[in-house]
Amino acid sequence: MIGSILEAIICLQAIRDLGQV
């Protein structure tokens, strides 16, 4: 479960980075 949560957080951060740019 923890791995899944970490993966989701990384994905969200990547999307936020793209949106900020």
N, C-alpha and C. Protein backbone atom coordinates (compact mmCIF):
# COMPACT_ATOMS: atom_id res chain seq x y z
N MET A 1 0.86 -1.22 0.00
CA MET A 1 0.00 0.00 0.00
C MET A 1 0.88 1.25 0.00
N ILE A 2 1.89 1.25 0.86
CA ILE A 2 2.74 2.44 0.95
C ILE A 2 3.36 2.74 -0.42
N GLY A 3 3.84 1.71 -1.09
CA GLY A 3 4.46 1.93 -2.41
C GLY A 3 3.46 2.61 -3.34
N SER A 4 2.20 2.16 -3.28
CA SER A 4 1.18 2.74 -4.17
C SER A 4 0.99 4.21 -3.86
N ILE A 5 0.95 4.53 -2.56
CA ILE A 5 0.75 5.94 -2.16
C ILE A 5 1.93 6.78 -2.65
N LEU A 6 3.14 6.29 -2.43
CA LEU A 6 4.33 7.05 -2.86
C LEU A 6 4.28 7.27 -4.36
N GLU A 7 3.87 6.24 -5.10
CA GLU A 7 3.82 6.36 -6.57
C GLU A 7 2.81 7.45 -6.95
N ALA A 8 1.68 7.46 -6.27
CA ALA A 8 0.65 8.46 -6.58
C ALA A 8 1.18 9.86 -6.29
N ILE A 9 1.89 10.02 -5.19
CA ILE A 9 2.44 11.34 -4.83
C ILE A 9 3.43 11.80 -5.89
N ILE A 10 4.29 10.89 -6.33
CA ILE A 10 5.28 11.25 -7.35
C ILE A 10 4.57 11.69 -8.62
N CYS A 11 3.52 10.95 -9.00
CA CYS A 11 2.77 11.29 -10.22
C CYS A 11 2.16 12.68 -10.06
N LEU A 12 1.54 12.95 -8.92
CA LEU A 12 0.90 14.25 -8.69
C LEU A 12 1.94 15.36 -8.76
N GLN A 13 3.10 15.14 -8.16
CA GLN A 13 4.15 16.17 -8.19
C GLN A 13 4.59 16.44 -9.62
N ALA A 14 4.73 15.38 -10.42
CA ALA A 14 5.16 15.55 -11.81
C ALA A 14 4.12 16.36 -12.57
N ILE A 15 2.84 16.07 -12.34
CA ILE A 15 1.77 16.82 -13.03
C ILE A 15 1.81 18.28 -12.60
N ARG A 16 2.02 18.53 -11.32
CA ARG A 16 2.07 19.92 -10.83
C ARG A 16 3.23 20.66 -11.48
N ASP A 17 4.38 19.99 -11.61
CA ASP A 17 5.55 20.63 -12.25
C ASP A 17 5.19 21.03 -13.67
N LEU A 18 4.54 20.13 -14.41
CA LEU A 18 4.18 20.44 -15.80
C LEU A 18 3.21 21.62 -15.83
N GLY A 19 2.28 21.66 -14.90
CA GLY A 19 1.28 22.74 -14.86
C GLY A 19 1.94 24.07 -14.52
N GLN A 20 2.90 24.05 -13.60
CA GLN A 20 3.55 25.30 -13.20
C GLN A 20 4.31 25.88 -14.40
N VAL A 21 4.92 25.00 -15.19
CA VAL A 21 5.70 25.50 -16.34
C VAL A 21 4.72 26.06 -17.36
